[in-house]
Amino acid sequence: MDRIPTRDKVVFLTYDDGAAADPGLIDLVRERRLPVALFLTDSVAGPGYAHFARLRAVGASLQNNTLDHPALRGLPYAGQRAEICGQQRKLRSRFGARPRFLRPPHGAYDTTTLRAAADCGIAAVVLSRVTVRPDGRLGFAHGPHELSPGDIVSVPSGRTGGTGGTGGAPALSLAERTARLLAELESRGLKVANPEDYWGP
């Protein structure tokens, strides 16, 4: 799923492993009490799990992005289950909670992924309809090119100090991109909601 059908004027804000590298984002999540979801890969996030504990302490939920970030589509059931269940165990061991949601690496998954995910305790496979690009502009996977209630928004990590990839605009930090997004949401009367309240059974 990349959006949730709802009449509530809400969207869902998601990040990947790079979120902990931006202390400004941690401050923003704390100050604005943002119920964001972080999708973590053990091979990337593992050394910095203490940073994610800080984000969790200020309201973020920690979700599954597999152990090693392979493209799951086409892999046998045993391999997919090992990637998904393995990360479930890592996050439960480190944080005491089992994630309910999986973001398949590269957005690639198949029916085997859905079966393996369910067998690992995952309630839903989560993609995104809206992406906040490195220069702060919004990209849309399909549908109207504007933020709409129920949209799942991804803010992927990107290096600062470079260019955003569109017209040579400078890349913004995660905190800067998030602040721009929040301003856009406010102008549309939308707010960030807790995914646990809407996603899955």
Protein backbone atom coordinates (compact mmCIF):
# COMPACT_ATOMS: atom_id res chain seq x y z
CA MET A 1 0.00 0.00 0.00
CA ASP A 2 1.16 3.55 -0.69
CA ARG A 3 -1.82 5.38 0.74
CA ILE A 4 -4.64 4.71 3.20
CA PRO A 5 -8.23 5.48 2.19
CA THR A 6 -9.42 7.88 4.89
CA ARG A 7 -11.56 10.98 5.21
CA ASP A 8 -9.31 12.25 7.98
CA LYS A 9 -7.03 15.09 6.87
CA VAL A 10 -3.85 13.21 7.65
CA VAL A 11 -0.74 11.84 5.95
CA PHE A 12 1.92 9.39 7.16
CA LEU A 13 5.58 10.36 7.30
CA THR A 14 8.27 7.70 6.77
CA TYR A 15 12.09 7.62 6.78
CA ASP A 16 14.89 5.13 6.22
CA ASP A 17 18.13 4.34 8.05
CA GLY A 18 19.70 7.72 7.30
CA ALA A 19 17.30 9.53 9.62
CA ALA A 20 19.50 9.11 12.69
CA ALA A 21 22.42 10.87 10.99
CA ASP A 22 20.60 14.22 11.12
CA PRO A 23 20.43 15.55 14.69
CA GLY A 24 18.21 18.35 13.44
CA LEU A 25 15.58 15.79 12.50
CA ILE A 26 15.66 14.28 15.98
CA ASP A 27 15.08 17.76 17.41
CA LEU A 28 12.25 18.44 14.94
CA VAL A 29 10.51 15.14 15.69
CA ARG A 30 10.74 15.91 19.42
CA GLU A 31 9.64 19.55 19.19
CA ARG A 32 6.71 18.88 16.85
CA ARG A 33 5.85 15.50 18.42
CA LEU A 34 5.82 13.90 14.97
CA PRO A 35 4.65 10.25 14.93
CA VAL A 36 7.00 9.23 12.11
CA ALA A 37 7.84 5.67 11.01
CA LEU A 38 11.47 4.62 10.46
CA PHE A 39 12.11 1.62 8.20
CA LEU A 40 15.43 0.07 9.22
CA THR A 41 17.90 -2.29 7.54
CA ASP A 42 20.18 -4.02 10.05
CA SER A 43 23.32 -3.91 7.88
CA VAL A 44 22.99 -0.11 7.66
CA ALA A 45 21.35 0.84 10.94
CA GLY A 46 22.95 -1.76 13.21
CA PRO A 47 26.04 0.26 14.20
CA GLY A 48 23.87 3.29 14.97
CA TYR A 49 20.94 1.72 16.78
CA ALA A 50 21.55 4.02 19.76
CA HIS A 51 20.60 6.98 17.55
CA PHE A 52 17.34 5.26 16.60
CA ALA A 53 16.62 4.71 20.28
CA ARG A 54 16.72 8.51 20.62
CA LEU A 55 14.21 8.90 17.80
CA ARG A 56 11.99 6.21 19.28
CA ALA A 57 12.13 7.99 22.63
CA VAL A 58 10.70 11.14 21.03
CA GLY A 59 7.82 9.39 19.26
CA ALA A 60 9.09 7.53 16.18
CA SER A 61 8.07 3.94 15.48
CA LEU A 62 10.68 1.47 14.20
CA GLN A 63 9.68 -0.74 11.28
CA ASN A 64 11.24 -3.44 9.07
CA ASN A 65 13.34 -2.84 5.92
CA THR A 66 15.04 -6.32 6.05
CA LEU A 67 18.45 -7.43 7.32
CA ASP A 68 20.60 -6.70 4.26
CA HIS A 69 18.38 -4.69 1.85
CA PRO A 70 18.14 -7.15 -1.07
CA ALA A 71 15.48 -6.89 -3.78
CA LEU A 72 13.06 -9.49 -2.42
CA ARG A 73 11.06 -10.11 -5.59
CA GLY A 74 12.03 -13.46 -7.10
CA LEU A 75 13.90 -14.74 -4.06
CA PRO A 76 12.74 -18.11 -2.67
CA TYR A 77 10.48 -18.16 0.36
CA ALA A 78 13.27 -19.26 2.71
CA GLY A 79 15.49 -16.35 1.68
CA GLN A 80 12.73 -13.78 2.00
CA ARG A 81 11.63 -15.16 5.35
CA ALA A 82 15.21 -15.05 6.64
CA GLU A 83 15.55 -11.39 5.64
CA ILE A 84 12.22 -10.31 7.13
CA CYS A 85 12.06 -12.49 10.25
CA GLY A 86 15.75 -11.87 10.92
CA GLN A 87 15.17 -8.13 11.13
CA GLN A 88 12.06 -8.67 13.24
CA ARG A 89 14.25 -10.55 15.74
CA LYS A 90 16.99 -7.89 15.66
CA LEU A 91 14.57 -5.05 16.37
CA ARG A 92 12.72 -7.00 19.05
CA SER A 93 16.01 -7.89 20.74
CA ARG A 94 17.31 -4.32 20.62
CA PHE A 95 14.12 -2.37 21.34
CA GLY A 96 11.68 -4.87 22.85
CA ALA A 97 9.04 -4.34 20.19
CA ARG A 98 8.18 -6.25 17.03
CA PRO A 99 7.52 -4.11 13.94
CA ARG A 100 4.14 -4.45 12.24
CA PHE A 101 5.13 -3.01 8.85
CA LEU A 102 7.62 -3.89 6.11
CA ARG A 103 8.98 -1.61 3.40
CA PRO A 104 10.47 -3.93 0.76
CA PRO A 105 13.88 -2.68 -0.43
CA HIS A 106 13.68 -0.85 -3.76
CA GLY A 107 9.88 -1.29 -3.63
CA ALA A 108 10.34 -4.80 -5.07
CA TYR A 109 8.13 -7.59 -3.73
CA ASP A 110 5.91 -10.45 -4.87
CA THR A 111 3.30 -12.82 -3.46
CA THR A 112 6.08 -14.78 -1.76
CA THR A 113 7.06 -11.59 0.09
CA LEU A 114 3.49 -11.17 1.32
CA ARG A 115 3.41 -14.76 2.60
CA ALA A 116 6.83 -14.52 4.26
CA ALA A 117 5.98 -11.15 5.80
CA ALA A 118 2.71 -12.46 7.24
CA ASP A 119 4.53 -15.49 8.66
CA CYS A 120 6.98 -13.09 10.35
CA GLY A 121 4.19 -11.12 12.03
CA ILE A 122 4.01 -8.24 9.53
CA ALA A 123 0.55 -6.68 9.18
CA ALA A 124 1.17 -4.68 5.98
CA VAL A 125 3.71 -4.02 3.22
CA VAL A 126 4.20 -0.25 2.96
CA LEU A 127 5.38 1.79 -0.03
CA SER A 128 4.89 5.54 -0.61
CA ARG A 129 2.84 7.63 -3.04
CA VAL A 130 4.80 10.80 -2.33
CA THR A 131 8.58 11.24 -2.08
CA VAL A 132 10.34 14.34 -0.78
CA ARG A 133 13.31 14.81 -3.12
CA PRO A 134 16.76 16.01 -1.97
CA ASP A 135 15.94 19.58 -3.07
CA GLY A 136 12.69 19.54 -1.07
CA ARG A 137 10.35 19.20 -4.03
CA LEU A 138 7.67 16.52 -4.04
CA GLY A 139 7.54 13.56 -6.41
CA PHE A 140 4.39 11.52 -6.95
CA ALA A 141 4.27 7.83 -7.93
CA HIS A 142 0.78 8.13 -9.42
CA GLY A 143 -2.49 10.01 -9.03
CA PRO A 144 -2.87 13.75 -8.44
CA HIS A 145 0.35 15.73 -8.12
CA GLU A 146 -0.63 17.19 -4.78
CA LEU A 147 -0.72 15.98 -1.20
CA SER A 148 -3.97 14.21 -0.36
CA PRO A 149 -5.46 12.68 2.79
CA GLY A 150 -4.10 9.21 3.43
CA ASP A 151 -0.86 9.67 1.47
CA ILE A 152 2.21 7.80 2.68
CA VAL A 153 5.16 10.17 2.29
CA SER A 154 8.77 9.00 2.13
CA VAL A 155 11.70 11.27 3.01
CA PRO A 156 14.71 9.22 1.86
CA SER A 157 18.14 10.08 3.20
CA GLY A 158 20.33 12.14 0.93
CA ARG A 159 23.72 13.70 1.40
CA THR A 160 23.83 17.38 2.13
CA GLY A 161 26.26 19.72 0.47
CA GLY A 162 25.65 18.24 -2.98
CA THR A 163 22.89 18.89 -5.44
CA GLY A 164 19.35 17.72 -5.26
CA GLY A 165 19.41 16.18 -8.70
CA THR A 166 16.85 18.56 -10.22
CA GLY A 167 18.28 21.59 -11.97
CA GLY A 168 21.38 21.67 -9.79
CA ALA A 169 19.46 22.80 -6.69
CA PRO A 170 21.38 22.17 -3.46
CA ALA A 171 20.42 19.10 -1.46
CA LEU A 172 18.68 19.85 1.81
CA SER A 173 19.06 18.03 5.12
CA LEU A 174 16.31 15.69 6.27
CA ALA A 175 15.27 18.27 8.85
CA GLU A 176 15.07 21.02 6.21
CA ARG A 177 13.06 18.85 3.84
CA THR A 178 10.75 17.81 6.67
CA ALA A 179 10.21 21.43 7.72
CA ARG A 180 9.27 22.34 4.13
CA LEU A 181 6.88 19.41 3.97
CA LEU A 182 5.24 20.39 7.26
CA ALA A 183 4.68 23.92 5.95
CA GLU A 184 3.05 22.47 2.81
CA LEU A 185 0.87 20.18 4.91
CA GLU A 186 -0.25 23.06 7.10
CA SER A 187 -1.17 25.13 4.04
CA ARG A 188 -3.42 22.26 2.93
CA GLY A 189 -4.95 21.68 6.35
CA LEU A 190 -3.23 18.30 6.70
CA LYS A 191 -1.33 16.88 9.66
CA VAL A 192 0.96 13.92 10.32
CA ALA A 193 -0.82 10.97 11.92
CA ASN A 194 0.43 7.95 13.81
CA PRO A 195 0.62 5.04 11.35
CA GLU A 196 -0.17 2.57 14.13
CA ASP A 197 -3.66 4.12 14.29
CA TYR A 198 -4.43 3.48 10.62
CA TRP A 199 -2.24 0.78 9.06
CA GLY A 200 -3.06 -2.88 9.24
CA PRO A 201 -5.60 -4.75 11.36
